[in-house]
């Protein structure tokens, strides 16, 4: 059985960047994903996150988002008044 010759010249290896597009960058592990952020918001809103609870609902996510919004507005107002230099 004869082998067919390759259409590529010998000695050239594909580097995987033949399209000229930049390689897709992965998100660094220190940034939380959307699922993690939604669970954290839901926990602020009252979600217990027990093993058998399942996924959080819209109401607990909304309540958590509302509480985070109130905290952010409070920090902004305190900074504008000069009562807070840093939140850390």
C-alpha atoms as a PDB file:
ATOM      1  CA  UNK A   1       0.000   0.000   0.000  1.00  0.00           C
ATOM      2  CA  UNK A   2       1.384   3.392  -1.014  1.00  0.00           C
ATOM      3  CA  UNK A   3       1.285   6.453   1.209  1.00  0.00           C
ATOM      4  CA  UNK A   4      -0.006   9.677  -0.241  1.00  0.00           C
ATOM      5  CA  UNK A   5       2.371  12.596  -0.040  1.00  0.00           C
ATOM      6  CA  UNK A   6       1.384  15.406   2.299  1.00  0.00           C
ATOM      7  CA  UNK A   7       0.215  18.634   0.717  1.00  0.00           C
ATOM      8  CA  UNK A   8       2.384  20.559   3.168  1.00  0.00           C
ATOM      9  CA  UNK A   9       6.044  20.993   2.462  1.00  0.00           C
ATOM     10  CA  UNK A  10       8.262  18.897   4.685  1.00  0.00           C
ATOM     11  CA  UNK A  11       9.820  20.562   7.676  1.00  0.00           C
ATOM     12  CA  UNK A  12       6.911  22.939   8.377  1.00  0.00           C
ATOM     13  CA  UNK A  13       4.886  22.260  11.469  1.00  0.00           C
ATOM     14  CA  UNK A  14       1.593  23.874  12.246  1.00  0.00           C
ATOM     15  CA  UNK A  15       1.779  26.172  15.220  1.00  0.00           C
ATOM     16  CA  UNK A  16      -1.996  26.289  15.664  1.00  0.00           C
ATOM     17  CA  UNK A  17      -2.249  29.963  14.731  1.00  0.00           C
ATOM     18  CA  UNK A  18      -2.974  29.569  11.065  1.00  0.00           C
ATOM     19  CA  UNK A  19      -6.062  31.807  11.227  1.00  0.00           C
ATOM     20  CA  UNK A  20      -4.125  34.833  12.451  1.00  0.00           C
ATOM     21  CA  UNK A  21      -6.571  35.374  15.330  1.00  0.00           C
ATOM     22  CA  UNK A  22      -5.214  35.710  18.864  1.00  0.00           C
ATOM     23  CA  UNK A  23      -5.577  32.661  21.053  1.00  0.00           C
ATOM     24  CA  UNK A  24      -8.578  32.714  23.406  1.00  0.00           C
ATOM     25  CA  UNK A  25      -7.494  33.709  26.893  1.00  0.00           C
ATOM     26  CA  UNK A  26      -8.869  31.823  29.846  1.00  0.00           C
ATOM     27  CA  UNK A  27     -10.252  33.698  32.840  1.00  0.00           C
ATOM     28  CA  UNK A  28      -7.775  33.702  35.716  1.00  0.00           C
ATOM     29  CA  UNK A  29      -8.850  31.419  38.567  1.00  0.00           C
ATOM     30  CA  UNK A  30      -9.002  34.299  41.054  1.00  0.00           C
ATOM     31  CA  UNK A  31     -12.041  35.821  39.315  1.00  0.00           C
ATOM     32  CA  UNK A  32     -15.341  34.201  40.326  1.00  0.00           C
ATOM     33  CA  UNK A  33     -17.640  32.930  37.613  1.00  0.00           C
ATOM     34  CA  UNK A  34     -21.239  34.024  37.085  1.00  0.00           C
ATOM     35  CA  UNK A  35     -22.546  30.998  39.001  1.00  0.00           C
ATOM     36  CA  UNK A  36     -20.403  31.863  42.032  1.00  0.00           C
ATOM     37  CA  UNK A  37     -21.435  35.530  41.988  1.00  0.00           C
ATOM     38  CA  UNK A  38     -25.132  34.642  41.767  1.00  0.00           C
ATOM     39  CA  UNK A  39     -24.804  32.231  44.677  1.00  0.00           C
ATOM     40  CA  UNK A  40     -23.014  34.876  46.745  1.00  0.00           C
ATOM     41  CA  UNK A  41     -25.747  37.411  45.992  1.00  0.00           C
ATOM     42  CA  UNK A  42     -28.384  34.834  46.892  1.00  0.00           C
ATOM     43  CA  UNK A  43     -26.622  34.105  50.182  1.00  0.00           C
ATOM     44  CA  UNK A  44     -26.770  37.813  51.031  1.00  0.00           C
ATOM     45  CA  UNK A  45     -30.474  37.648  50.180  1.00  0.00           C
ATOM     46  CA  UNK A  46     -31.119  34.740  52.551  1.00  0.00           C
ATOM     47  CA  UNK A  47     -30.199  31.629  50.538  1.00  0.00           C
ATOM     48  CA  UNK A  48     -28.720  29.053  52.916  1.00  0.00           C
ATOM     49  CA  UNK A  49     -26.683  27.110  50.304  1.00  0.00           C
ATOM     50  CA  UNK A  50     -27.084  23.773  52.054  1.00  0.00           C
ATOM     51  CA  UNK A  51     -26.096  20.608  50.242  1.00  0.00           C
ATOM     52  CA  UNK A  52     -29.626  19.637  49.245  1.00  0.00           C
ATOM     53  CA  UNK A  53     -30.998  23.147  48.552  1.00  0.00           C
ATOM     54  CA  UNK A  54     -30.514  23.210  44.803  1.00  0.00           C
ATOM     55  CA  UNK A  55     -30.003  26.468  42.959  1.00  0.00           C
ATOM     56  CA  UNK A  56     -31.099  29.851  44.361  1.00  0.00           C
ATOM     57  CA  UNK A  57     -34.281  31.435  43.112  1.00  0.00           C
ATOM     58  CA  UNK A  58     -34.942  34.818  41.584  1.00  0.00           C
ATOM     59  CA  UNK A  59     -36.277  36.289  44.821  1.00  0.00           C
ATOM     60  CA  UNK A  60     -33.188  35.526  46.921  1.00  0.00           C
ATOM     61  CA  UNK A  61     -30.892  36.808  44.157  1.00  0.00           C
ATOM     62  CA  UNK A  62     -32.981  39.994  43.925  1.00  0.00           C
ATOM     63  CA  UNK A  63     -32.945  40.525  47.701  1.00  0.00           C
ATOM     64  CA  UNK A  64     -29.172  40.071  47.779  1.00  0.00           C
ATOM     65  CA  UNK A  65     -28.691  42.474  44.876  1.00  0.00           C
ATOM     66  CA  UNK A  66     -30.891  45.035  46.629  1.00  0.00           C
ATOM     67  CA  UNK A  67     -28.802  44.787  49.811  1.00  0.00           C
ATOM     68  CA  UNK A  68     -25.546  45.176  47.858  1.00  0.00           C
ATOM     69  CA  UNK A  69     -27.004  48.216  46.092  1.00  0.00           C
ATOM     70  CA  UNK A  70     -27.957  49.822  49.411  1.00  0.00           C
ATOM     71  CA  UNK A  71     -24.452  49.200  50.774  1.00  0.00           C
ATOM     72  CA  UNK A  72     -22.818  50.676  47.657  1.00  0.00           C
ATOM     73  CA  UNK A  73     -25.050  53.768  47.787  1.00  0.00           C
ATOM     74  CA  UNK A  74     -24.270  54.223  51.490  1.00  0.00           C
ATOM     75  CA  UNK A  75     -20.512  54.063  50.829  1.00  0.00           C
ATOM     76  CA  UNK A  76     -20.854  56.529  47.930  1.00  0.00           C
ATOM     77  CA  UNK A  77     -22.853  58.980  50.049  1.00  0.00           C
ATOM     78  CA  UNK A  78     -20.410  58.763  52.973  1.00  0.00           C
ATOM     79  CA  UNK A  79     -17.485  59.417  50.620  1.00  0.00           C
ATOM     80  CA  UNK A  80     -19.243  62.462  49.150  1.00  0.00           C
ATOM     81  CA  UNK A  81     -19.838  63.815  52.662  1.00  0.00           C
ATOM     82  CA  UNK A  82     -16.178  63.237  53.536  1.00  0.00           C
ATOM     83  CA  UNK A  83     -17.053  60.906  56.380  1.00  0.00           C
ATOM     84  CA  UNK A  84     -15.389  57.912  54.749  1.00  0.00           C
ATOM     85  CA  UNK A  85     -11.943  57.936  53.170  1.00  0.00           C
ATOM     86  CA  UNK A  86     -11.706  54.240  52.332  1.00  0.00           C
ATOM     87  CA  UNK A  87     -14.004  51.269  52.697  1.00  0.00           C
ATOM     88  CA  UNK A  88     -11.114  48.926  53.508  1.00  0.00           C
END
